[in-house]
Structure formats: C-alpha cells, structure tokens
PDB file of N, CA and C in Angstrom:
ATOM      1  N   MET A   1      80.918  90.337 107.645  1.00  0.00           N
ATOM      2  CA  MET A   1      82.153  90.960 107.363  1.00  0.00           C
ATOM      3  C   MET A   1      82.573  91.824 108.754  1.00  0.00           C
ATOM      4  N   PHE A   2      83.261  91.396 109.446  1.00  0.00           N
ATOM      5  CA  PHE A   2      83.826  92.090 110.638  1.00  0.00           C
ATOM      6  C   PHE A   2      82.623  92.271 111.744  1.00  0.00           C
ATOM      7  N   GLY A   3      81.578  91.579 111.635  1.00  0.00           N
ATOM      8  CA  GLY A   3      80.517  91.619 112.516  1.00  0.00           C
ATOM      9  C   GLY A   3      79.555  92.800 112.077  1.00  0.00           C
ATOM     10  N   LEU A   4      79.741  93.367 111.041  1.00  0.00           N
ATOM     11  CA  LEU A   4      78.916  94.578 110.477  1.00  0.00           C
ATOM     12  C   LEU A   4      77.730  94.103 109.684  1.00  0.00           C
ATOM     13  N   GLY A   5      76.516  94.577 109.809  1.00  0.00           N
ATOM     14  CA  GLY A   5      75.416  94.334 109.076  1.00  0.00           C
ATOM     15  C   GLY A   5      75.269  95.136 107.858  1.00  0.00           C
ATOM     16  N   MET A   6      74.331  94.886 107.074  1.00  0.00           N
ATOM     17  CA  MET A   6      74.100  95.826 105.773  1.00  0.00           C
ATOM     18  C   MET A   6      73.921  97.239 105.987  1.00  0.00           C
ATOM     19  N   GLN A   7      73.108  97.497 107.087  1.00  0.00           N
ATOM     20  CA  GLN A   7      72.787  98.914 107.491  1.00  0.00           C
ATOM     21  C   GLN A   7      74.113  99.610 107.887  1.00  0.00           C
ATOM     22  N   GLU A   8      74.854  98.928 108.742  1.00  0.00           N
ATOM     23  CA  GLU A   8      76.185  99.678 109.137  1.00  0.00           C
ATOM     24  C   GLU A   8      77.182  99.912 107.935  1.00  0.00           C
ATOM     25  N   ILE A   9      77.101  99.045 106.940  1.00  0.00           N
ATOM     26  CA  ILE A   9      78.054  99.061 105.846  1.00  0.00           C
ATOM     27  C   ILE A   9      77.491 100.374 105.076  1.00  0.00           C
ATOM     28  N   LEU A  10      76.136 100.373 104.748  1.00  0.00           N
ATOM     29  CA  LEU A  10      75.587 101.562 104.064  1.00  0.00           C
ATOM     30  C   LEU A  10      75.840 102.881 104.701  1.00  0.00           C
ATOM     31  N   VAL A  11      75.624 102.934 106.063  1.00  0.00           N
ATOM     32  CA  VAL A  11      75.864 104.147 106.688  1.00  0.00           C
ATOM     33  C   VAL A  11      77.442 104.706 106.547  1.00  0.00           C
ATOM     34  N   ILE A  12      78.239 103.682 106.689  1.00  0.00           N
ATOM     35  CA  ILE A  12      79.730 104.087 106.609  1.00  0.00           C
ATOM     36  C   ILE A  12      79.952 104.422 105.135  1.00  0.00           C
ATOM     37  N   ALA A  13      79.394 103.866 104.071  1.00  0.00           N
ATOM     38  CA  ALA A  13      79.604 104.129 102.734  1.00  0.00           C
ATOM     39  C   ALA A  13      79.043 105.558 102.459  1.00  0.00           C
ATOM     40  N   LEU A  14      77.858 105.952 103.066  1.00  0.00           N
ATOM     41  CA  LEU A  14      77.286 107.285 102.772  1.00  0.00           C
ATOM     42  C   LEU A  14      78.149 108.271 103.500  1.00  0.00           C
ATOM     43  N   ILE A  15      78.754 108.096 104.653  1.00  0.00           N
ATOM     44  CA  ILE A  15      79.618 109.074 105.433  1.00  0.00           C
ATOM     45  C   ILE A  15      80.806 109.222 104.510  1.00  0.00           C
ATOM     46  N   VAL A  16      81.458 108.171 104.032  1.00  0.00           N
ATOM     47  CA  VAL A  16      82.594 108.243 103.045  1.00  0.00           C
ATOM     48  C   VAL A  16      82.251 109.103 101.888  1.00  0.00           C
ATOM     49  N   LEU A  17      81.072 108.882 101.270  1.00  0.00           N
ATOM     50  CA  LEU A  17      80.768 109.639 100.158  1.00  0.00           C
ATOM     51  C   LEU A  17      80.622 111.040 100.299  1.00  0.00           C
ATOM     52  N   LEU A  18      79.960 111.399 101.498  1.00  0.00           N
ATOM     53  CA  LEU A  18      79.747 112.856 101.899  1.00  0.00           C
ATOM     54  C   LEU A  18      81.131 113.418 102.178  1.00  0.00           C
ATOM     55  N   LEU A  19      81.923 112.746 102.841  1.00  0.00           N
ATOM     56  CA  LEU A  19      83.258 113.492 103.117  1.00  0.00           C
ATOM     57  C   LEU A  19      84.231 113.689 102.027  1.00  0.00           C
ATOM     58  N   PHE A  20      84.214 112.611 101.123  1.00  0.00           N
ATOM     59  CA  PHE A  20      85.246 112.733 100.003  1.00  0.00           C
ATOM     60  C   PHE A  20      84.658 113.186  98.626  1.00  0.00           C
ATOM     61  N   GLY A  21      83.340 112.770  98.557  1.00  0.00           N
ATOM     62  CA  GLY A  21      82.909 113.133  97.160  1.00  0.00           C
ATOM     63  C   GLY A  21      82.972 112.086  96.136  1.00  0.00           C
ATOM     64  N   GLY A  22      82.280 112.003  95.239  1.00  0.00           N
ATOM     65  CA  GLY A  22      82.169 110.787  94.248  1.00  0.00           C
ATOM     66  C   GLY A  22      83.512 110.814  93.409  1.00  0.00           C
ATOM     67  N   LYS A  23      84.008 111.894  93.002  1.00  0.00           N
ATOM     68  CA  LYS A  23      85.226 112.005  92.194  1.00  0.00           C
ATOM     69  C   LYS A  23      86.512 111.459  92.969  1.00  0.00           C
ATOM     70  N   LYS A  24      86.525 111.736  94.201  1.00  0.00           N
ATOM     71  CA  LYS A  24      87.851 111.416  94.815  1.00  0.00           C
ATOM     72  C   LYS A  24      87.866 109.838  95.447  1.00  0.00           C
ATOM     73  N   ILE A  25      86.757 109.246  95.421  1.00  0.00           N
ATOM     74  CA  ILE A  25      86.719 107.812  95.871  1.00  0.00           C
ATOM     75  C   ILE A  25      87.494 106.723  95.122  1.00  0.00           C
ATOM     76  N   PRO A  26      87.297 107.019  93.800  1.00  0.00           N
ATOM     77  CA  PRO A  26      88.253 105.883  93.049  1.00  0.00           C
ATOM     78  C   PRO A  26      89.760 106.186  93.254  1.00  0.00           C
ATOM     79  N   GLU A  27      90.056 107.384  93.427  1.00  0.00           N
ATOM     80  CA  GLU A  27      91.597 107.722  93.809  1.00  0.00           C
ATOM     81  C   GLU A  27      92.051 107.141  95.053  1.00  0.00           C
ATOM     82  N   LEU A  28      91.046 107.189  95.991  1.00  0.00           N
ATOM     83  CA  LEU A  28      91.278 106.762  97.320  1.00  0.00           C
ATOM     84  C   LEU A  28      91.468 105.209  97.215  1.00  0.00           C
ATOM     85  N   MET A  29      90.474 104.440  96.687  1.00  0.00           N
ATOM     86  CA  MET A  29      90.544 103.011  96.585  1.00  0.00           C
ATOM     87  C   MET A  29      91.930 102.527  95.729  1.00  0.00           C
ATOM     88  N   ASN A  30      92.241 103.322  94.891  1.00  0.00           N
ATOM     89  CA  ASN A  30      93.378 103.117  94.143  1.00  0.00           C
ATOM     90  C   ASN A  30      94.630 103.071  94.967  1.00  0.00           C
ATOM     91  N   GLY A  31      94.820 104.008  95.761  1.00  0.00           N
ATOM     92  CA  GLY A  31      95.733 104.171  96.701  1.00  0.00           C
ATOM     93  C   GLY A  31      95.709 103.145  97.832  1.00  0.00           C
ATOM     94  N   LEU A  32      94.647 102.722  98.182  1.00  0.00           N
ATOM     95  CA  LEU A  32      94.485 101.701  99.138  1.00  0.00           C
ATOM     96  C   LEU A  32      94.847 100.370  98.631  1.00  0.00           C
ATOM     97  N   GLY A  33      94.432 100.125  97.278  1.00  0.00           N
ATOM     98  CA  GLY A  33      94.893  98.849  96.762  1.00  0.00           C
ATOM     99  C   GLY A  33      96.539  98.679  96.401  1.00  0.00           C
ATOM    100  N   LYS A  34      96.996  99.837  96.198  1.00  0.00           N
ATOM    101  CA  LYS A  34      98.564  99.879  96.084  1.00  0.00           C
ATOM    102  C   LYS A  34      99.158  99.549  97.343  1.00  0.00           C
ATOM    103  N   GLY A  35      98.628 100.188  98.327  1.00  0.00           N
ATOM    104  CA  GLY A  35      99.200 100.050  99.800  1.00  0.00           C
ATOM    105  C   GLY A  35      99.058  98.512 100.142  1.00  0.00           C
ATOM    106  N   VAL A  36      97.845  97.913 100.026  1.00  0.00           N
ATOM    107  CA  VAL A  36      97.827  96.464 100.248  1.00  0.00           C
ATOM    108  C   VAL A  36      98.737  95.554  99.530  1.00  0.00           C
ATOM    109  N   LYS A  37      98.916  95.903  98.202  1.00  0.00           N
ATOM    110  CA  LYS A  37      99.746  95.101  97.442  1.00  0.00           C
ATOM    111  C   LYS A  37     101.319  95.217  97.927  1.00  0.00           C
ATOM    112  N   SER A  38     101.633  96.444  98.112  1.00  0.00           N
ATOM    113  CA  SER A  38     103.082  96.669  98.767  1.00  0.00           C
ATOM    114  C   SER A  38     103.182  95.913  99.891  1.00  0.00           C
ATOM    115  N   PHE A  39     102.228  95.912 100.810  1.00  0.00           N
ATOM    116  CA  PHE A  39     102.411  95.429 102.231  1.00  0.00           C
ATOM    117  C   PHE A  39     102.442  93.755 101.907  1.00  0.00           C
ATOM    118  N   LYS A  40     101.671  93.273 101.013  1.00  0.00           N
ATOM    119  CA  LYS A  40     101.703  91.831 100.771  1.00  0.00           C
ATOM    120  C   LYS A  40     103.113  91.437 100.243  1.00  0.00           C
ATOM    121  N   ASP A  41     103.646  92.231  99.274  1.00  0.00           N
ATOM    122  CA  ASP A  41     104.838  91.971  98.591  1.00  0.00           C
ATOM    123  C   ASP A  41     105.982  92.062  99.661  1.00  0.00           C
ATOM    124  N   GLY A  42     105.954  92.995 100.755  1.00  0.00           N
ATOM    125  CA  GLY A  42     106.875  93.012 101.679  1.00  0.00           C
ATOM    126  C   GLY A  42     106.822  91.959 102.669  1.00  0.00           C
ATOM    127  N   MET A  43     105.594  91.351 102.977  1.00  0.00           N
ATOM    128  CA  MET A  43     105.512  90.158 103.777  1.00  0.00           C
ATOM    129  C   MET A  43     106.133  88.940 103.081  1.00  0.00           C
ATOM    130  N   LYS A  44     105.960  88.832 101.757  1.00  0.00           N
ATOM    131  CA  LYS A  44     106.456  87.622 101.020  1.00  0.00           C
ATOM    132  C   LYS A  44     108.066  87.832 101.048  1.00  0.00           C
ATOM    133  N   ASP A  45     108.594  89.019 100.913  1.00  0.00           N
ATOM    134  CA  ASP A  45     109.997  89.117 101.044  1.00  0.00           C
ATOM    135  C   ASP A  45     110.483  88.752 102.330  1.00  0.00           C
ATOM    136  N   MET A  46     109.852  89.237 103.301  1.00  0.00           N
ATOM    137  CA  MET A  46     110.296  88.854 104.668  1.00  0.00           C
ATOM    138  C   MET A  46     110.317  87.323 104.920  1.00  0.00           C
ATOM    139  N   ASP A  47     109.138  86.624 104.374  1.00  0.00           N
ATOM    140  CA  ASP A  47     109.105  85.099 104.437  1.00  0.00           C
ATOM    141  C   ASP A  47     110.329  84.560 103.674  1.00  0.00           C
ATOM    142  N   ALA A  48     110.448  85.024 102.517  1.00  0.00           N
ATOM    143  CA  ALA A  48     111.658  84.502 101.592  1.00  0.00           C
ATOM    144  C   ALA A  48     112.977  84.697 102.457  1.00  0.00           C
ATOM    145  N   ASN A  49     113.170  85.652 102.996  1.00  0.00           N
ATOM    146  CA  ASN A  49     114.498  86.016 103.737  1.00  0.00           C
ATOM    147  C   ASN A  49     114.562  85.155 104.924  1.00  0.00           C
ATOM    148  N   ASP A  50     113.544  84.966 105.709  1.00  0.00           N
ATOM    149  CA  ASP A  50     113.479  84.038 106.759  1.00  0.00           C
ATOM    150  C   ASP A  50     113.819  82.472 106.433  1.00  0.00           C
ATOM    151  N   THR A  51     113.339  82.064 105.287  1.00  0.00           N
ATOM    152  CA  THR A  51     113.609  80.790 104.765  1.00  0.00           C
ATOM    153  C   THR A  51     115.072  80.680 104.467  1.00  0.00           C
ATOM    154  N   LYS A  52     115.717  81.615 103.741  1.00  0.00           N
ATOM    155  CA  LYS A  52     116.971  81.650 103.342  1.00  0.00           C
ATOM    156  C   LYS A  52     117.933  81.695 104.690  1.00  0.00           C
ATOM    157  N   THR A  53     117.549  82.399 105.544  1.00  0.00           N
ATOM    158  CA  THR A  53     118.272  82.374 106.918  1.00  0.00           C
ATOM    159  C   THR A  53     118.268  81.074 107.717  1.00  0.00           C
ATOM    160  N   GLU A  54     117.128  80.327 107.534  1.00  0.00           N
ATOM    161  CA  GLU A  54     116.922  79.103 108.218  1.00  0.00           C
ATOM    162  C   GLU A  54     117.772  78.091 107.504  1.00  0.00           C
ATOM    163  N   ASP A  55     117.869  78.158 106.145  1.00  0.00           N
ATOM    164  CA  ASP A  55     118.698  77.075 105.352  1.00  0.00           C
ATOM    165  C   ASP A  55     119.907  77.344 105.556  1.00  0.00           C
ATOM    166  N   LYS A  56     120.522  78.617 105.748  1.00  0.00           N
ATOM    167  CA  LYS A  56     121.947  78.806 106.028  1.00  0.00           C
ATOM    168  C   LYS A  56     122.284  78.266 107.483  1.00  0.00           C
ATOM    169  N   SER A  57     121.447  78.439 108.561  1.00  0.00           N
ATOM    170  CA  SER A  57     121.728  78.089 109.812  1.00  0.00           C
ATOM    171  C   SER A  57     121.620  76.505 109.971  1.00  0.00           C
ATOM    172  N   ASP A  58     120.830  75.827 109.104  1.00  0.00           N
ATOM    173  CA  ASP A  58     120.552  74.464 109.103  1.00  0.00           C
ATOM    174  C   ASP A  58     121.947  73.877 108.515  1.00  0.00           C
ATOM    175  N   ASN A  59     122.464  74.550 107.496  1.00  0.00           N
ATOM    176  CA  ASN A  59     123.744  73.994 106.833  1.00  0.00           C
ATOM    177  C   ASN A  59     124.960  74.250 107.744  1.00  0.00           C
ATOM    178  N   ALA A  60     124.987  75.232 108.482  1.00  0.00           N
ATOM    179  CA  ALA A  60     125.969  75.532 109.408  1.00  0.00           C
ATOM    180  C   ALA A  60     125.909  74.483 110.647  1.00  0.00           C
ATOM    181  N   LYS A  61     124.932  73.950 111.036  1.00  0.00           N
ATOM    182  CA  LYS A  61     124.889  72.965 112.193  1.00  0.00           C
ATOM    183  C   LYS A  61     125.457  71.639 111.770  1.00  0.00           C
ATOM    184  N   GLU A  62     125.422  71.233 110.446  1.00  0.00           N
ATOM    185  CA  GLU A  62     125.749  70.008 109.882  1.00  0.00           C
ATOM    186  C   GLU A  62     127.223  69.794 109.841  1.00  0.00           C
TER     187      GLU A  62
END
C-alpha cells in the first residue's frame, strides 16, 4: 500500500491516535468517507456530462 510497510502504518496510526484521541477518529473517518463519496459522485457527473456533449457534437456533424 503506497510502498509503506507494516511498521510505517503502525507508526502513522499511533501518531493519529495521539493527536486526535480515540473518540474523534470515527468522526474523522466518517467525514473522510463522505468526502470521497462526494468526489466520486462529482467525477461520475462530469463523465456523464462529457458523454452528453460528445453525443450532441456527433449529431451536429452529421
């Protein structure tokens, strides 16, 4: 995973735990998940809009 070994991942997890505390981590992960979902939805919308634009331009050429 990104060229990180198990020791590096454990160190990063420990630092995050110390910085934010055990109670705050689920809230952070929930927000991160919502952000990723929103990003993916936005990318799908852009792809759909690009396809519609291409279809219109193909029809105009004929």
